[in-house]
Amino acid sequence: MTREEIITGLAEILNEVADVEPADVTEDKSFIEDLDVDSLAMVEVIVSTEERFGVSLPEEELKELRLVSDVVTRIEKQL
C-alpha cells in the first residue's frame, strides 16, 4: 500500500467521522488546528483507522499523533 493510498483512506475516515473534506487532508495538516478534529472524534478516527488498515495505534500514543503524516508513518511501519 502506498503512502497516497493510506492518506486517501484516512481522508475517507475523517470525512465519515468528523465531516472533514477529503481534499483538505494532506500530510502537513494538524488534526486539531487545521482539520478541527476534537479529542473525542480523534478517538473514533483512530479506532476506524485500526480496523481499516489492520494496525494498532495505542491510546497512550494519541498525543504524539498531531499531524496526518504522524498517523501515515505509523501505519506504514506496521504494514
N, C-alpha and C. Protein backbone atom coordinates (compact mmCIF):
# COMPACT_ATOMS: atom_id res chain seq x y z
N MET A 1 0.85 -1.18 0.00
CA MET A 1 0.00 0.00 0.00
C MET A 1 0.90 1.25 0.00
N THR A 2 0.58 2.18 -0.88
CA THR A 2 1.39 3.40 -0.98
C THR A 2 0.97 4.43 0.06
N ARG A 3 1.84 5.40 0.25
CA ARG A 3 1.54 6.49 1.18
C ARG A 3 0.28 7.24 0.74
N GLU A 4 0.14 7.43 -0.57
CA GLU A 4 -1.06 8.11 -1.10
C GLU A 4 -2.34 7.32 -0.79
N GLU A 5 -2.29 6.01 -0.91
CA GLU A 5 -3.46 5.18 -0.61
C GLU A 5 -3.83 5.27 0.87
N ILE A 6 -2.81 5.34 1.72
CA ILE A 6 -3.08 5.49 3.16
C ILE A 6 -3.74 6.85 3.43
N ILE A 7 -3.21 7.90 2.82
CA ILE A 7 -3.80 9.24 3.00
C ILE A 7 -5.24 9.28 2.50
N THR A 8 -5.49 8.65 1.37
CA THR A 8 -6.85 8.60 0.83
C THR A 8 -7.79 7.89 1.80
N GLY A 9 -7.34 6.75 2.33
CA GLY A 9 -8.15 6.00 3.30
C GLY A 9 -8.40 6.81 4.56
N LEU A 10 -7.38 7.50 5.03
CA LEU A 10 -7.51 8.33 6.22
C LEU A 10 -8.46 9.50 5.95
N ALA A 11 -8.39 10.07 4.76
CA ALA A 11 -9.29 11.16 4.38
C ALA A 11 -10.75 10.69 4.38
N GLU A 12 -10.99 9.47 3.92
CA GLU A 12 -12.35 8.92 3.93
C GLU A 12 -12.85 8.75 5.36
N ILE A 13 -11.97 8.25 6.24
CA ILE A 13 -12.35 8.09 7.64
C ILE A 13 -12.65 9.44 8.27
N LEU A 14 -11.79 10.43 8.05
CA LEU A 14 -12.00 11.76 8.61
C LEU A 14 -13.29 12.39 8.09
N ASN A 15 -13.63 12.11 6.85
CA ASN A 15 -14.87 12.62 6.27
C ASN A 15 -16.07 12.00 6.97
N GLU A 16 -16.03 10.69 7.19
CA GLU A 16 -17.15 9.98 7.84
C GLU A 16 -17.30 10.38 9.30
N VAL A 17 -16.19 10.44 10.02
CA VAL A 17 -16.23 10.66 11.46
C VAL A 17 -16.35 12.13 11.84
N ALA A 18 -15.59 13.00 11.17
CA ALA A 18 -15.50 14.40 11.60
C ALA A 18 -15.95 15.39 10.53
N ASP A 19 -16.53 14.90 9.45
CA ASP A 19 -17.04 15.76 8.37
C ASP A 19 -15.96 16.66 7.78
N VAL A 20 -14.75 16.12 7.67
CA VAL A 20 -13.63 16.84 7.06
C VAL A 20 -13.64 16.56 5.56
N GLU A 21 -13.50 17.61 4.76
CA GLU A 21 -13.44 17.42 3.31
C GLU A 21 -12.18 16.62 2.95
N PRO A 22 -12.32 15.53 2.20
CA PRO A 22 -11.15 14.72 1.83
C PRO A 22 -10.03 15.53 1.17
N ALA A 23 -10.38 16.54 0.40
CA ALA A 23 -9.36 17.35 -0.28
C ALA A 23 -8.51 18.15 0.72
N ASP A 24 -9.04 18.36 1.93
CA ASP A 24 -8.31 19.11 2.95
C ASP A 24 -7.26 18.26 3.67
N VAL A 25 -7.32 16.95 3.50
CA VAL A 25 -6.42 16.06 4.24
C VAL A 25 -5.12 15.89 3.48
N THR A 26 -4.08 16.56 3.99
CA THR A 26 -2.74 16.43 3.44
C THR A 26 -1.79 16.14 4.60
N GLU A 27 -0.61 15.65 4.26
CA GLU A 27 0.33 15.21 5.29
C GLU A 27 0.73 16.29 6.29
N ASP A 28 0.76 17.53 5.86
CA ASP A 28 1.22 18.61 6.74
C ASP A 28 0.14 19.19 7.63
N LYS A 29 -1.08 18.66 7.55
CA LYS A 29 -2.20 19.21 8.33
C LYS A 29 -2.22 18.64 9.75
N SER A 30 -2.53 19.51 10.69
CA SER A 30 -2.71 19.12 12.09
C SER A 30 -4.18 18.73 12.27
N PHE A 31 -4.41 17.62 12.97
CA PHE A 31 -5.80 17.19 13.19
C PHE A 31 -6.60 18.23 13.94
N ILE A 32 -6.01 18.80 14.98
CA ILE A 32 -6.75 19.74 15.83
C ILE A 32 -6.80 21.14 15.22
N GLU A 33 -5.64 21.70 14.90
CA GLU A 33 -5.60 23.09 14.44
C GLU A 33 -6.11 23.28 13.02
N ASP A 34 -5.73 22.40 12.11
CA ASP A 34 -6.09 22.61 10.70
C ASP A 34 -7.41 21.94 10.30
N LEU A 35 -7.64 20.73 10.83
CA LEU A 35 -8.82 19.97 10.40
C LEU A 35 -9.96 20.04 11.41
N ASP A 36 -9.72 20.68 12.55
CA ASP A 36 -10.75 20.90 13.58
C ASP A 36 -11.35 19.59 14.09
N VAL A 37 -10.48 18.59 14.33
CA VAL A 37 -10.92 17.30 14.87
C VAL A 37 -10.71 17.35 16.38
N ASP A 38 -11.81 17.22 17.14
CA ASP A 38 -11.67 17.27 18.60
C ASP A 38 -11.20 15.92 19.13
N SER A 39 -10.90 15.87 20.43
CA SER A 39 -10.31 14.67 21.01
C SER A 39 -11.24 13.46 20.94
N LEU A 40 -12.53 13.67 21.10
CA LEU A 40 -13.49 12.56 21.01
C LEU A 40 -13.53 12.01 19.58
N ALA A 41 -13.60 12.89 18.60
CA ALA A 41 -13.60 12.45 17.20
C ALA A 41 -12.28 11.77 16.85
N MET A 42 -11.19 12.25 17.45
CA MET A 42 -9.88 11.67 17.17
C MET A 42 -9.83 10.21 17.62
N VAL A 43 -10.45 9.90 18.76
CA VAL A 43 -10.50 8.51 19.22
C VAL A 43 -11.26 7.67 18.20
N GLU A 44 -12.36 8.18 17.68
CA GLU A 44 -13.12 7.45 16.65
C GLU A 44 -12.29 7.26 15.39
N VAL A 45 -11.54 8.28 15.01
CA VAL A 45 -10.67 8.20 13.83
C VAL A 45 -9.64 7.09 14.03
N ILE A 46 -9.04 7.04 15.21
CA ILE A 46 -8.01 6.02 15.49
C ILE A 46 -8.61 4.63 15.45
N VAL A 47 -9.78 4.43 16.06
CA VAL A 47 -10.43 3.11 16.05
C VAL A 47 -10.76 2.69 14.62
N SER A 48 -11.31 3.59 13.84
CA SER A 48 -11.64 3.29 12.44
C SER A 48 -10.38 3.00 11.63
N THR A 49 -9.31 3.74 11.91
CA THR A 49 -8.04 3.54 11.21
C THR A 49 -7.47 2.16 11.53
N GLU A 50 -7.52 1.78 12.80
CA GLU A 50 -7.03 0.46 13.20
C GLU A 50 -7.79 -0.65 12.48
N GLU A 51 -9.12 -0.50 12.41
CA GLU A 51 -9.95 -1.51 11.75
C GLU A 51 -9.68 -1.56 10.25
N ARG A 52 -9.62 -0.41 9.63
CA ARG A 52 -9.45 -0.35 8.17
C ARG A 52 -8.10 -0.87 7.70
N PHE A 53 -7.03 -0.49 8.43
CA PHE A 53 -5.68 -0.84 7.99
C PHE A 53 -5.09 -2.04 8.73
N GLY A 54 -5.80 -2.54 9.75
CA GLY A 54 -5.30 -3.69 10.50
C GLY A 54 -4.04 -3.38 11.28
N VAL A 55 -3.99 -2.19 11.87
CA VAL A 55 -2.82 -1.76 12.65
C VAL A 55 -3.25 -1.48 14.08
N SER A 56 -2.28 -1.23 14.94
CA SER A 56 -2.55 -0.89 16.33
C SER A 56 -1.95 0.48 16.64
N LEU A 57 -2.81 1.39 17.08
CA LEU A 57 -2.37 2.73 17.46
C LEU A 57 -2.80 2.95 18.91
N PRO A 58 -1.94 2.60 19.88
CA PRO A 58 -2.30 2.68 21.30
C PRO A 58 -2.75 4.07 21.74
N GLU A 59 -3.76 4.09 22.62
CA GLU A 59 -4.31 5.37 23.09
C GLU A 59 -3.27 6.26 23.75
N GLU A 60 -2.30 5.65 24.45
CA GLU A 60 -1.30 6.46 25.12
C GLU A 60 -0.40 7.21 24.14
N GLU A 61 -0.44 6.82 22.88
CA GLU A 61 0.36 7.49 21.85
C GLU A 61 -0.42 8.57 21.10
N LEU A 62 -1.68 8.73 21.43
CA LEU A 62 -2.53 9.70 20.71
C LEU A 62 -1.95 11.11 20.73
N LYS A 63 -1.34 11.50 21.84
CA LYS A 63 -0.79 12.86 21.94
C LYS A 63 0.32 13.08 20.92
N GLU A 64 1.00 12.00 20.53
CA GLU A 64 2.09 12.10 19.56
C GLU A 64 1.58 12.19 18.12
N LEU A 65 0.33 11.85 17.90
CA LEU A 65 -0.23 11.83 16.56
C LEU A 65 -0.93 13.15 16.28
N ARG A 66 -0.13 14.18 16.05
CA ARG A 66 -0.69 15.51 15.84
C ARG A 66 -0.96 15.82 14.38
N LEU A 67 -0.09 15.33 13.50
CA LEU A 67 -0.21 15.61 12.07
C LEU A 67 -0.69 14.38 11.32
N VAL A 68 -1.29 14.61 10.18
CA VAL A 68 -1.71 13.50 9.32
C VAL A 68 -0.50 12.61 9.01
N SER A 69 0.66 13.22 8.76
CA SER A 69 1.86 12.45 8.45
C SER A 69 2.28 11.53 9.59
N ASP A 70 2.00 11.93 10.85
CA ASP A 70 2.34 11.08 12.00
C ASP A 70 1.58 9.75 11.93
N VAL A 71 0.29 9.83 11.61
CA VAL A 71 -0.52 8.62 11.52
C VAL A 71 -0.12 7.79 10.31
N VAL A 72 0.11 8.45 9.19
CA VAL A 72 0.51 7.75 7.96
C VAL A 72 1.80 6.97 8.19
N THR A 73 2.76 7.61 8.83
CA THR A 73 4.05 6.95 9.11
C THR A 73 3.87 5.74 10.02
N ARG A 74 3.02 5.86 11.06
CA ARG A 74 2.76 4.74 11.96
C ARG A 74 2.12 3.57 11.20
N ILE A 75 1.18 3.88 10.33
CA ILE A 75 0.52 2.83 9.54
C ILE A 75 1.55 2.15 8.64
N GLU A 76 2.36 2.93 7.95
CA GLU A 76 3.39 2.39 7.06
C GLU A 76 4.31 1.42 7.80
N LYS A 77 4.73 1.79 8.99
CA LYS A 77 5.66 0.95 9.76
C LYS A 77 5.04 -0.40 10.11
N GLN A 78 3.72 -0.44 10.25
CA GLN A 78 3.05 -1.67 10.67
C GLN A 78 2.57 -2.53 9.52
N LEU A 79 2.55 -1.97 8.32
CA LEU A 79 2.08 -2.75 7.17
C LEU A 79 3.18 -3.59 6.58
